[in-house]
Amino acid sequence: MIIYVYLGIAIVAEVIATSALKASEGFTRPWPSLLTMVGYAIAFYCLSLTLRVIPTGVAYAIWSGVGIVLISAVGWVWFRQALDLPAMIGMGLIIAGVAVVNMFSKTAGH
């Protein structure tokens, strides 16, 4: 479904924007700052398109859950930020929750 493509773009754009936000060093570096603003604009626009079909709570749960896991992975790989066992278990639970919503919830907009 095209709506999940928009949701995927929103998630990726948000992860890119958040990574650039870290690199912007408090908006003191122009290119990462610009990437942050453009990324968040794309993310919110694409998220708004998904809200035409998917209920707000479900779309936001998927967007934020997947985004948390992806930005944590980016932080671990790109910024060398450590993830301990409780963090990894928690992210596993987030992934499980998103999977349950998508596979079993009738409100997920299938």
PDB file of N, CA and C in Angstrom:
ATOM      1  N   MET A   1       0.835  -1.191   0.000  1.00  0.00           N
ATOM      2  CA  MET A   1       0.000   0.000   0.000  1.00  0.00           C
ATOM      3  C   MET A   1       0.874   1.246   0.000  1.00  0.00           C
ATOM      4  N   ILE A   2       0.469   2.216  -0.789  1.00  0.00           N
ATOM      5  CA  ILE A   2       1.232   3.457  -0.927  1.00  0.00           C
ATOM      6  C   ILE A   2       1.321   4.218   0.391  1.00  0.00           C
ATOM      7  N   ILE A   3       0.331   4.050   1.236  1.00  0.00           N
ATOM      8  CA  ILE A   3       0.324   4.787   2.503  1.00  0.00           C
ATOM      9  C   ILE A   3       1.507   4.390   3.375  1.00  0.00           C
ATOM     10  N   TYR A   4       1.908   3.111   3.290  1.00  0.00           N
ATOM     11  CA  TYR A   4       3.062   2.659   4.065  1.00  0.00           C
ATOM     12  C   TYR A   4       4.371   3.147   3.452  1.00  0.00           C
ATOM     13  N   VAL A   5       4.368   3.449   2.164  1.00  0.00           N
ATOM     14  CA  VAL A   5       5.539   4.073   1.546  1.00  0.00           C
ATOM     15  C   VAL A   5       5.714   5.472   2.131  1.00  0.00           C
ATOM     16  N   TYR A   6       4.604   6.218   2.230  1.00  0.00           N
ATOM     17  CA  TYR A   6       4.673   7.549   2.843  1.00  0.00           C
ATOM     18  C   TYR A   6       5.135   7.462   4.294  1.00  0.00           C
ATOM     19  N   LEU A   7       4.634   6.491   5.010  1.00  0.00           N
ATOM     20  CA  LEU A   7       5.042   6.327   6.406  1.00  0.00           C
ATOM     21  C   LEU A   7       6.527   5.977   6.480  1.00  0.00           C
ATOM     22  N   GLY A   8       6.992   5.121   5.595  1.00  0.00           N
ATOM     23  CA  GLY A   8       8.412   4.780   5.560  1.00  0.00           C
ATOM     24  C   GLY A   8       9.287   5.977   5.244  1.00  0.00           C
ATOM     25  N   ILE A   9       8.847   6.804   4.289  1.00  0.00           N
ATOM     26  CA  ILE A   9       9.589   8.023   3.960  1.00  0.00           C
ATOM     27  C   ILE A   9       9.611   8.955   5.164  1.00  0.00           C
ATOM     28  N   ALA A  10       8.480   9.072   5.862  1.00  0.00           N
ATOM     29  CA  ALA A  10       8.415   9.923   7.051  1.00  0.00           C
ATOM     30  C   ALA A  10       9.406   9.450   8.106  1.00  0.00           C
ATOM     31  N   ILE A  11       9.487   8.155   8.296  1.00  0.00           N
ATOM     32  CA  ILE A  11      10.390   7.596   9.305  1.00  0.00           C
ATOM     33  C   ILE A  11      11.841   7.854   8.923  1.00  0.00           C
ATOM     34  N   VAL A  12      12.192   7.560   7.683  1.00  0.00           N
ATOM     35  CA  VAL A  12      13.578   7.754   7.235  1.00  0.00           C
ATOM     36  C   VAL A  12      13.954   9.237   7.275  1.00  0.00           C
ATOM     37  N   ALA A  13      13.054  10.105   6.844  1.00  0.00           N
ATOM     38  CA  ALA A  13      13.334  11.548   6.869  1.00  0.00           C
ATOM     39  C   ALA A  13      13.529  12.037   8.297  1.00  0.00           C
ATOM     40  N   GLU A  14      12.746  11.513   9.218  1.00  0.00           N
ATOM     41  CA  GLU A  14      12.880  11.910  10.624  1.00  0.00           C
ATOM     42  C   GLU A  14      14.203  11.431  11.196  1.00  0.00           C
ATOM     43  N   VAL A  15      14.615  10.239  10.849  1.00  0.00           N
ATOM     44  CA  VAL A  15      15.895   9.710  11.332  1.00  0.00           C
ATOM     45  C   VAL A  15      17.059  10.525  10.762  1.00  0.00           C
ATOM     46  N   ILE A  16      16.976  10.865   9.493  1.00  0.00           N
ATOM     47  CA  ILE A  16      18.015  11.712   8.880  1.00  0.00           C
ATOM     48  C   ILE A  16      18.041  13.083   9.554  1.00  0.00           C
ATOM     49  N   ALA A  17      16.860  13.662   9.766  1.00  0.00           N
ATOM     50  CA  ALA A  17      16.789  14.991  10.397  1.00  0.00           C
ATOM     51  C   ALA A  17      17.331  14.959  11.816  1.00  0.00           C
ATOM     52  N   THR A  18      17.016  13.921  12.567  1.00  0.00           N
ATOM     53  CA  THR A  18      17.502  13.822  13.939  1.00  0.00           C
ATOM     54  C   THR A  18      19.014  13.622  13.966  1.00  0.00           C
ATOM     55  N   SER A  19      19.527  12.839  13.037  1.00  0.00           N
ATOM     56  CA  SER A  19      20.981  12.662  12.948  1.00  0.00           C
ATOM     57  C   SER A  19      21.659  13.980  12.599  1.00  0.00           C
ATOM     58  N   ALA A  20      21.070  14.711  11.672  1.00  0.00           N
ATOM     59  CA  ALA A  20      21.619  16.015  11.299  1.00  0.00           C
ATOM     60  C   ALA A  20      21.507  17.007  12.454  1.00  0.00           C
ATOM     61  N   LEU A  21      20.453  16.887  13.255  1.00  0.00           N
ATOM     62  CA  LEU A  21      20.291  17.764  14.416  1.00  0.00           C
ATOM     63  C   LEU A  21      21.464  17.585  15.373  1.00  0.00           C
ATOM     64  N   LYS A  22      21.861  16.345  15.594  1.00  0.00           N
ATOM     65  CA  LYS A  22      23.025  16.078  16.442  1.00  0.00           C
ATOM     66  C   LYS A  22      24.269  16.708  15.818  1.00  0.00           C
ATOM     67  N   ALA A  23      24.432  16.539  14.512  1.00  0.00           N
ATOM     68  CA  ALA A  23      25.607  17.070  13.812  1.00  0.00           C
ATOM     69  C   ALA A  23      25.583  18.592  13.689  1.00  0.00           C
ATOM     70  N   SER A  24      24.412  19.206  13.838  1.00  0.00           N
ATOM     71  CA  SER A  24      24.318  20.666  13.691  1.00  0.00           C
ATOM     72  C   SER A  24      24.945  21.420  14.860  1.00  0.00           C
ATOM     73  N   GLU A  25      25.200  20.707  15.952  1.00  0.00           N
ATOM     74  CA  GLU A  25      25.806  21.305  17.149  1.00  0.00           C
ATOM     75  C   GLU A  25      25.063  22.572  17.571  1.00  0.00           C
ATOM     76  N   GLY A  26      23.773  22.379  17.848  1.00  0.00           N
ATOM     77  CA  GLY A  26      22.952  23.503  18.309  1.00  0.00           C
ATOM     78  C   GLY A  26      22.674  24.526  17.229  1.00  0.00           C
ATOM     79  N   PHE A  27      22.517  24.074  15.998  1.00  0.00           N
ATOM     80  CA  PHE A  27      22.265  24.928  14.841  1.00  0.00           C
ATOM     81  C   PHE A  27      23.396  25.928  14.589  1.00  0.00           C
ATOM     82  N   THR A  28      24.617  25.541  14.943  1.00  0.00           N
ATOM     83  CA  THR A  28      25.768  26.401  14.666  1.00  0.00           C
ATOM     84  C   THR A  28      26.460  26.019  13.362  1.00  0.00           C
ATOM     85  N   ARG A  29      26.113  24.881  12.804  1.00  0.00           N
ATOM     86  CA  ARG A  29      26.685  24.439  11.531  1.00  0.00           C
ATOM     87  C   ARG A  29      25.590  24.486  10.471  1.00  0.00           C
ATOM     88  N   PRO A  30      25.780  25.267   9.399  1.00  0.00           N
ATOM     89  CA  PRO A  30      24.682  25.540   8.458  1.00  0.00           C
ATOM     90  C   PRO A  30      24.150  24.323   7.699  1.00  0.00           C
ATOM     91  N   TRP A  31      25.004  23.468   7.146  1.00  0.00           N
ATOM     92  CA  TRP A  31      24.496  22.365   6.324  1.00  0.00           C
ATOM     93  C   TRP A  31      23.725  21.328   7.139  1.00  0.00           C
ATOM     94  N   PRO A  32      24.244  20.873   8.277  1.00  0.00           N
ATOM     95  CA  PRO A  32      23.428  19.967   9.074  1.00  0.00           C
ATOM     96  C   PRO A  32      22.137  20.623   9.578  1.00  0.00           C
ATOM     97  N   SER A  33      22.193  21.930   9.846  1.00  0.00           N
ATOM     98  CA  SER A  33      20.992  22.651  10.288  1.00  0.00           C
ATOM     99  C   SER A  33      19.934  22.672   9.190  1.00  0.00           C
ATOM    100  N   LEU A  34      20.366  22.937   7.961  1.00  0.00           N
ATOM    101  CA  LEU A  34      19.443  22.940   6.824  1.00  0.00           C
ATOM    102  C   LEU A  34      18.862  21.543   6.601  1.00  0.00           C
ATOM    103  N   LEU A  35      19.707  20.531   6.664  1.00  0.00           N
ATOM    104  CA  LEU A  35      19.244  19.157   6.506  1.00  0.00           C
ATOM    105  C   LEU A  35      18.222  18.790   7.590  1.00  0.00           C
ATOM    106  N   THR A  36      18.434  19.278   8.795  1.00  0.00           N
ATOM    107  CA  THR A  36      17.482  19.045   9.885  1.00  0.00           C
ATOM    108  C   THR A  36      16.114  19.621   9.540  1.00  0.00           C
ATOM    109  N   MET A  37      16.089  20.870   9.110  1.00  0.00           N
ATOM    110  CA  MET A  37      14.812  21.521   8.807  1.00  0.00           C
ATOM    111  C   MET A  37      14.098  20.867   7.626  1.00  0.00           C
ATOM    112  N   VAL A  38      14.843  20.560   6.570  1.00  0.00           N
ATOM    113  CA  VAL A  38      14.241  19.922   5.396  1.00  0.00           C
ATOM    114  C   VAL A  38      13.758  18.513   5.749  1.00  0.00           C
ATOM    115  N   GLY A  39      14.565  17.786   6.491  1.00  0.00           N
ATOM    116  CA  GLY A  39      14.193  16.427   6.875  1.00  0.00           C
ATOM    117  C   GLY A  39      12.925  16.384   7.705  1.00  0.00           C
ATOM    118  N   TYR A  40      12.823  17.278   8.685  1.00  0.00           N
ATOM    119  CA  TYR A  40      11.606  17.302   9.504  1.00  0.00           C
ATOM    120  C   TYR A  40      10.394  17.752   8.692  1.00  0.00           C
ATOM    121  N   ALA A  41      10.581  18.673   7.771  1.00  0.00           N
ATOM    122  CA  ALA A  41       9.463  19.105   6.913  1.00  0.00           C
ATOM    123  C   ALA A  41       8.948  17.933   6.077  1.00  0.00           C
ATOM    124  N   ILE A  42       9.857  17.186   5.483  1.00  0.00           N
ATOM    125  CA  ILE A  42       9.460  16.007   4.698  1.00  0.00           C
ATOM    126  C   ILE A  42       8.789  14.980   5.598  1.00  0.00           C
ATOM    127  N   ALA A  43       9.363  14.755   6.771  1.00  0.00           N
ATOM    128  CA  ALA A  43       8.813  13.760   7.692  1.00  0.00           C
ATOM    129  C   ALA A  43       7.381  14.094   8.088  1.00  0.00           C
ATOM    130  N   PHE A  44       7.151  15.338   8.473  1.00  0.00           N
ATOM    131  CA  PHE A  44       5.805  15.709   8.908  1.00  0.00           C
ATOM    132  C   PHE A  44       4.817  15.744   7.746  1.00  0.00           C
ATOM    133  N   TYR A  45       5.274  16.149   6.576  1.00  0.00           N
ATOM    134  CA  TYR A  45       4.381  16.130   5.420  1.00  0.00           C
ATOM    135  C   TYR A  45       3.954  14.700   5.093  1.00  0.00           C
ATOM    136  N   CYS A  46       4.912  13.799   5.020  1.00  0.00           N
ATOM    137  CA  CYS A  46       4.575  12.404   4.694  1.00  0.00           C
ATOM    138  C   CYS A  46       3.750  11.765   5.805  1.00  0.00           C
ATOM    139  N   LEU A  47       4.055  12.102   7.059  1.00  0.00           N
ATOM    140  CA  LEU A  47       3.232  11.586   8.158  1.00  0.00           C
ATOM    141  C   LEU A  47       1.803  12.101   8.025  1.00  0.00           C
ATOM    142  N   SER A  48       1.637  13.346   7.627  1.00  0.00           N
ATOM    143  CA  SER A  48       0.279  13.894   7.473  1.00  0.00           C
ATOM    144  C   SER A  48      -0.495  13.147   6.398  1.00  0.00           C
ATOM    145  N   LEU A  49       0.193  12.690   5.357  1.00  0.00           N
ATOM    146  CA  LEU A  49      -0.480  11.916   4.309  1.00  0.00           C
ATOM    147  C   LEU A  49      -0.955  10.566   4.834  1.00  0.00           C
ATOM    148  N   THR A  50      -0.171   9.967   5.710  1.00  0.00           N
ATOM    149  CA  THR A  50      -0.580   8.664   6.260  1.00  0.00           C
ATOM    150  C   THR A  50      -1.804   8.799   7.155  1.00  0.00           C
ATOM    151  N   LEU A  51      -1.964   9.967   7.764  1.00  0.00           N
ATOM    152  CA  LEU A  51      -3.091  10.156   8.685  1.00  0.00           C
ATOM    153  C   LEU A  51      -4.433  10.227   7.966  1.00  0.00           C
ATOM    154  N   ARG A  52      -4.412  10.270   6.642  1.00  0.00           N
ATOM    155  CA  ARG A  52      -5.655  10.186   5.873  1.00  0.00           C
ATOM    156  C   ARG A  52      -6.264   8.789   5.952  1.00  0.00           C
ATOM    157  N   VAL A  53      -5.413   7.787   6.179  1.00  0.00           N
ATOM    158  CA  VAL A  53      -5.861   6.397   6.148  1.00  0.00           C
ATOM    159  C   VAL A  53      -5.666   5.696   7.486  1.00  0.00           C
ATOM    160  N   ILE A  54      -4.490   5.885   8.080  1.00  0.00           N
ATOM    161  CA  ILE A  54      -4.154   5.199   9.327  1.00  0.00           C
ATOM    162  C   ILE A  54      -4.542   6.101  10.501  1.00  0.00           C
ATOM    163  N   PRO A  55      -5.194   5.562  11.527  1.00  0.00           N
ATOM    164  CA  PRO A  55      -5.523   6.378  12.695  1.00  0.00           C
ATOM    165  C   PRO A  55      -4.269   7.008  13.307  1.00  0.00           C
ATOM    166  N   THR A  56      -4.439   8.196  13.861  1.00  0.00           N
ATOM    167  CA  THR A  56      -3.322   8.971  14.386  1.00  0.00           C
ATOM    168  C   THR A  56      -2.474   8.194  15.378  1.00  0.00           C
ATOM    169  N   GLY A  57      -3.097   7.568  16.343  1.00  0.00           N
ATOM    170  CA  GLY A  57      -2.356   6.831  17.371  1.00  0.00           C
ATOM    171  C   GLY A  57      -1.534   5.698  16.799  1.00  0.00           C
ATOM    172  N   VAL A  58      -2.103   4.977  15.856  1.00  0.00           N
ATOM    173  CA  VAL A  58      -1.404   3.843  15.248  1.00  0.00           C
ATOM    174  C   VAL A  58      -0.247   4.350  14.375  1.00  0.00           C
ATOM    175  N   ALA A  59      -0.497   5.362  13.553  1.00  0.00           N
ATOM    176  CA  ALA A  59       0.557   5.904  12.698  1.00  0.00           C
ATOM    177  C   ALA A  59       1.706   6.448  13.542  1.00  0.00           C
ATOM    178  N   TYR A  60       1.368   7.167  14.595  1.00  0.00           N
ATOM    179  CA  TYR A  60       2.408   7.745  15.437  1.00  0.00           C
ATOM    180  C   TYR A  60       3.170   6.662  16.186  1.00  0.00           C
ATOM    181  N   ALA A  61       2.478   5.613  16.627  1.00  0.00           N
ATOM    182  CA  ALA A  61       3.161   4.514  17.309  1.00  0.00           C
ATOM    183  C   ALA A  61       4.172   3.846  16.385  1.00  0.00           C
ATOM    184  N   ILE A  62       3.778   3.613  15.150  1.00  0.00           N
ATOM    185  CA  ILE A  62       4.689   3.000  14.179  1.00  0.00           C
ATOM    186  C   ILE A  62       5.840   3.955  13.872  1.00  0.00           C
ATOM    187  N   TRP A  63       5.505   5.212  13.593  1.00  0.00           N
ATOM    188  CA  TRP A  63       6.509   6.218  13.248  1.00  0.00           C
ATOM    189  C   TRP A  63       7.529   6.392  14.380  1.00  0.00           C
ATOM    190  N   SER A  64       7.042   6.578  15.578  1.00  0.00           N
ATOM    191  CA  SER A  64       7.966   6.815  16.686  1.00  0.00           C
ATOM    192  C   SER A  64       8.706   5.545  17.088  1.00  0.00           C
ATOM    193  N   GLY A  65       8.014   4.393  17.074  1.00  0.00           N
ATOM    194  CA  GLY A  65       8.666   3.142  17.462  1.00  0.00           C
ATOM    195  C   GLY A  65       9.797   2.760  16.525  1.00  0.00           C
ATOM    196  N   VAL A  66       9.514   2.755  15.246  1.00  0.00           N
ATOM    197  CA  VAL A  66      10.547   2.409  14.268  1.00  0.00           C
ATOM    198  C   VAL A  66      11.639   3.487  14.265  1.00  0.00           C
ATOM    199  N   GLY A  67      11.226   4.738  14.407  1.00  0.00           N
ATOM    200  CA  GLY A  67      12.198   5.831  14.454  1.00  0.00           C
ATOM    201  C   GLY A  67      13.150   5.711  15.631  1.00  0.00           C
ATOM    202  N   ILE A  68      12.627   5.324  16.803  1.00  0.00           N
ATOM    203  CA  ILE A  68      13.473   5.146  17.989  1.00  0.00           C
ATOM    204  C   ILE A  68      14.537   4.087  17.734  1.00  0.00           C
ATOM    205  N   VAL A  69      14.118   2.978  17.172  1.00  0.00           N
ATOM    206  CA  VAL A  69      15.061   1.893  16.909  1.00  0.00           C
ATOM    207  C   VAL A  69      16.093   2.322  15.865  1.00  0.00           C
ATOM    208  N   LEU A  70      15.645   2.945  14.776  1.00  0.00           N
ATOM    209  CA  LEU A  70      16.586   3.355  13.727  1.00  0.00           C
ATOM    210  C   LEU A  70      17.554   4.434  14.205  1.00  0.00           C
ATOM    211  N   ILE A  71      17.051   5.430  14.943  1.00  0.00           N
ATOM    212  CA  ILE A  71      17.956   6.493  15.387  1.00  0.00           C
ATOM    213  C   ILE A  71      18.922   5.964  16.439  1.00  0.00           C
ATOM    214  N   SER A  72      18.501   4.988  17.208  1.00  0.00           N
ATOM    215  CA  SER A  72      19.420   4.359  18.160  1.00  0.00           C
ATOM    216  C   SER A  72      20.521   3.605  17.423  1.00  0.00           C
ATOM    217  N   ALA A  73      20.143   2.931  16.338  1.00  0.00           N
ATOM    218  CA  ALA A  73      21.143   2.228  15.520  1.00  0.00           C
ATOM    219  C   ALA A  73      22.105   3.219  14.875  1.00  0.00           C
ATOM    220  N   VAL A  74      21.576   4.334  14.368  1.00  0.00           N
ATOM    221  CA  VAL A  74      22.435   5.370  13.776  1.00  0.00           C
ATOM    222  C   VAL A  74      23.373   5.936  14.839  1.00  0.00           C
ATOM    223  N   GLY A  75      22.845   6.206  16.011  1.00  0.00           N
ATOM    224  CA  GLY A  75      23.674   6.722  17.099  1.00  0.00           C
ATOM    225  C   GLY A  75      24.780   5.754  17.486  1.00  0.00           C
ATOM    226  N   TRP A  76      24.459   4.479  17.473  1.00  0.00           N
ATOM    227  CA  TRP A  76      25.435   3.444  17.821  1.00  0.00           C
ATOM    228  C   TRP A  76      26.535   3.356  16.764  1.00  0.00           C
ATOM    229  N   VAL A  77      26.126   3.349  15.484  1.00  0.00           N
ATOM    230  CA  VAL A  77      27.093   3.183  14.388  1.00  0.00           C
ATOM    231  C   VAL A  77      27.807   4.500  14.076  1.00  0.00           C
ATOM    232  N   TRP A  78      27.058   5.565  13.872  1.00  0.00           N
ATOM    233  CA  TRP A  78      27.610   6.826  13.368  1.00  0.00           C
ATOM    234  C   TRP A  78      28.279   7.653  14.465  1.00  0.00           C
ATOM    235  N   PHE A  79      27.603   7.763  15.622  1.00  0.00           N
ATOM    236  CA  PHE A  79      28.106   8.617  16.700  1.00  0.00           C
ATOM    237  C   PHE A  79      28.794   7.834  17.814  1.00  0.00           C
ATOM    238  N   ARG A  80      28.908   6.526  17.647  1.00  0.00           N
ATOM    239  CA  ARG A  80      29.577   5.643  18.612  1.00  0.00           C
ATOM    240  C   ARG A  80      28.959   5.723  20.013  1.00  0.00           C
ATOM    241  N   GLN A  81      27.645   5.845  20.065  1.00  0.00           N
ATOM    242  CA  GLN A  81      26.930   5.882  21.335  1.00  0.00           C
ATOM    243  C   GLN A  81      26.591   4.456  21.744  1.00  0.00           C
ATOM    244  N   ALA A  82      26.966   4.093  22.948  1.00  0.00           N
ATOM    245  CA  ALA A  82      26.799   2.715  23.422  1.00  0.00           C
ATOM    246  C   ALA A  82      25.338   2.399  23.729  1.00  0.00           C
ATOM    247  N   LEU A  83      24.961   1.156  23.450  1.00  0.00           N
ATOM    248  CA  LEU A  83      23.653   0.638  23.833  1.00  0.00           C
ATOM    249  C   LEU A  83      23.882  -0.519  24.790  1.00  0.00           C
ATOM    250  N   ASP A  84      23.301  -0.421  25.978  1.00  0.00           N
ATOM    251  CA  ASP A  84      23.454  -1.525  26.917  1.00  0.00           C
ATOM    252  C   ASP A  84      22.330  -2.540  26.720  1.00  0.00           C
ATOM    253  N   LEU A  85      22.394  -3.630  27.458  1.00  0.00           N
ATOM    254  CA  LEU A  85      21.420  -4.710  27.305  1.00  0.00           C
ATOM    255  C   LEU A  85      19.984  -4.243  27.559  1.00  0.00           C
ATOM    256  N   PRO A  86      19.705  -3.481  28.627  1.00  0.00           N
ATOM    257  CA  PRO A  86      18.327  -3.022  28.811  1.00  0.00           C
ATOM    258  C   PRO A  86      17.820  -2.167  27.640  1.00  0.00           C
ATOM    259  N   ALA A  87      18.691  -1.351  27.050  1.00  0.00           N
ATOM    260  CA  ALA A  87      18.276  -0.545  25.895  1.00  0.00           C
ATOM    261  C   ALA A  87      17.921  -1.436  24.722  1.00  0.00           C
ATOM    262  N   MET A  88      18.736  -2.458  24.484  1.00  0.00           N
ATOM    263  CA  MET A  88      18.456  -3.359  23.366  1.00  0.00           C
ATOM    264  C   MET A  88      17.191  -4.185  23.609  1.00  0.00           C
ATOM    265  N   ILE A  89      16.980  -4.608  24.845  1.00  0.00           N
ATOM    266  CA  ILE A  89      15.746  -5.344  25.176  1.00  0.00           C
ATOM    267  C   ILE A  89      14.539  -4.431  24.969  1.00  0.00           C
ATOM    268  N   GLY A  90      14.635  -3.202  25.443  1.00  0.00           N
ATOM    269  CA  GLY A  90      13.538  -2.250  25.272  1.00  0.00           C
ATOM    270  C   GLY A  90      13.215  -1.996  23.811  1.00  0.00           C
ATOM    271  N   MET A  91      14.244  -1.860  22.987  1.00  0.00           N
ATOM    272  CA  MET A  91      14.009  -1.651  21.555  1.00  0.00           C
ATOM    273  C   MET A  91      13.413  -2.898  20.915  1.00  0.00           C
ATOM    274  N   GLY A  92      13.809  -4.068  21.395  1.00  0.00           N
ATOM    275  CA  GLY A  92      13.188  -5.309  20.916  1.00  0.00           C
ATOM    276  C   GLY A  92      11.701  -5.332  21.236  1.00  0.00           C
ATOM    277  N   LEU A  93      11.352  -4.853  22.421  1.00  0.00           N
ATOM    278  CA  LEU A  93       9.940  -4.784  22.803  1.00  0.00           C
ATOM    279  C   LEU A  93       9.182  -3.768  21.942  1.00  0.00           C
ATOM    280  N   ILE A  94       9.838  -2.673  21.597  1.00  0.00           N
ATOM    281  CA  ILE A  94       9.216  -1.686  20.705  1.00  0.00           C
ATOM    282  C   ILE A  94       8.929  -2.319  19.351  1.00  0.00           C
ATOM    283  N   ILE A  95       9.913  -3.026  18.804  1.00  0.00           N
ATOM    284  CA  ILE A  95       9.725  -3.708  17.520  1.00  0.00           C
ATOM    285  C   ILE A  95       8.589  -4.718  17.618  1.00  0.00           C
ATOM    286  N   ALA A  96       8.541  -5.466  18.719  1.00  0.00           N
ATOM    287  CA  ALA A  96       7.462  -6.435  18.909  1.00  0.00           C
ATOM    288  C   ALA A  96       6.107  -5.729  18.957  1.00  0.00           C
ATOM    289  N   GLY A  97       6.035  -4.605  19.632  1.00  0.00           N
ATOM    290  CA  GLY A  97       4.785  -3.854  19.706  1.00  0.00           C
ATOM    291  C   GLY A  97       4.324  -3.352  18.355  1.00  0.00           C
ATOM    292  N   VAL A  98       5.247  -2.824  17.572  1.00  0.00           N
ATOM    293  CA  VAL A  98       4.903  -2.360  16.227  1.00  0.00           C
ATOM    294  C   VAL A  98       4.428  -3.537  15.377  1.00  0.00           C
ATOM    295  N   ALA A  99       5.090  -4.681  15.504  1.00  0.00           N
ATOM    296  CA  ALA A  99       4.688  -5.865  14.742  1.00  0.00           C
ATOM    297  C   ALA A  99       3.284  -6.316  15.137  1.00  0.00           C
ATOM    298  N   VAL A 100       2.981  -6.317  16.432  1.00  0.00           N
ATOM    299  CA  VAL A 100       1.648  -6.720  16.895  1.00  0.00           C
ATOM    300  C   VAL A 100       0.585  -5.784  16.339  1.00  0.00           C
ATOM    301  N   VAL A 101       0.843  -4.484  16.398  1.00  0.00           N
ATOM    302  CA  VAL A 101      -0.124  -3.516  15.860  1.00  0.00           C
ATOM    303  C   VAL A 101      -0.362  -3.776  14.381  1.00  0.00           C
ATOM    304  N   ASN A 102       0.706  -3.968  13.630  1.00  0.00           N
ATOM    305  CA  ASN A 102       0.575  -4.151  12.182  1.00  0.00           C
ATOM    306  C   ASN A 102      -0.059  -5.478  11.794  1.00  0.00           C
ATOM    307  N   MET A 103       0.223  -6.528  12.529  1.00  0.00           N
ATOM    308  CA  MET A 103      -0.285  -7.841  12.142  1.00  0.00           C
ATOM    309  C   MET A 103      -1.684  -8.142  12.674  1.00  0.00           C
ATOM    310  N   PHE A 104      -2.022  -7.609  13.832  1.00  0.00           N
ATOM    311  CA  PHE A 104      -3.250  -8.039  14.484  1.00  0.00           C
ATOM    312  C   PHE A 104      -4.298  -6.960  14.714  1.00  0.00           C
ATOM    313  N   SER A 105      -3.930  -5.695  14.676  1.00  0.00           N
ATOM    314  CA  SER A 105      -4.889  -4.652  14.970  1.00  0.00           C
ATOM    315  C   SER A 105      -5.750  -4.339  13.757  1.00  0.00           C
ATOM    316  N   LYS A 106      -7.023  -4.254  13.980  1.00  0.00           N
ATOM    317  CA  LYS A 106      -7.940  -3.868  12.911  1.00  0.00           C
ATOM    318  C   LYS A 106      -7.911  -2.360  12.664  1.00  0.00           C
ATOM    319  N   THR A 107      -7.316  -1.608  13.579  1.00  0.00           N
ATOM    320  CA  THR A 107      -7.238  -0.145  13.424  1.00  0.00           C
ATOM    321  C   THR A 107      -6.006   0.299  12.664  1.00  0.00           C
ATOM    322  N   ALA A 108      -5.164  -0.639  12.213  1.00  0.00           N
ATOM    323  CA  ALA A 108      -3.900  -0.278  11.589  1.00  0.00           C
ATOM    324  C   ALA A 108      -4.067   0.166  10.137  1.00  0.00           C
ATOM    325  N   GLY A 109      -5.266   0.214   9.615  1.00  0.00           N
ATOM    326  CA  GLY A 109      -5.490   0.727   8.274  1.00  0.00           C
ATOM    327  C   GLY A 109      -5.131  -0.250   7.166  1.00  0.00           C
ATOM    328  N   HIS A 110      -5.322  -1.524   7.401  1.00  0.00           N
ATOM    329  CA  HIS A 110      -4.994  -2.540   6.387  1.00  0.00           C
ATOM    330  C   HIS A 110      -6.027  -2.552   5.297  1.00  0.00           C
TER     331      HIS A 110
END
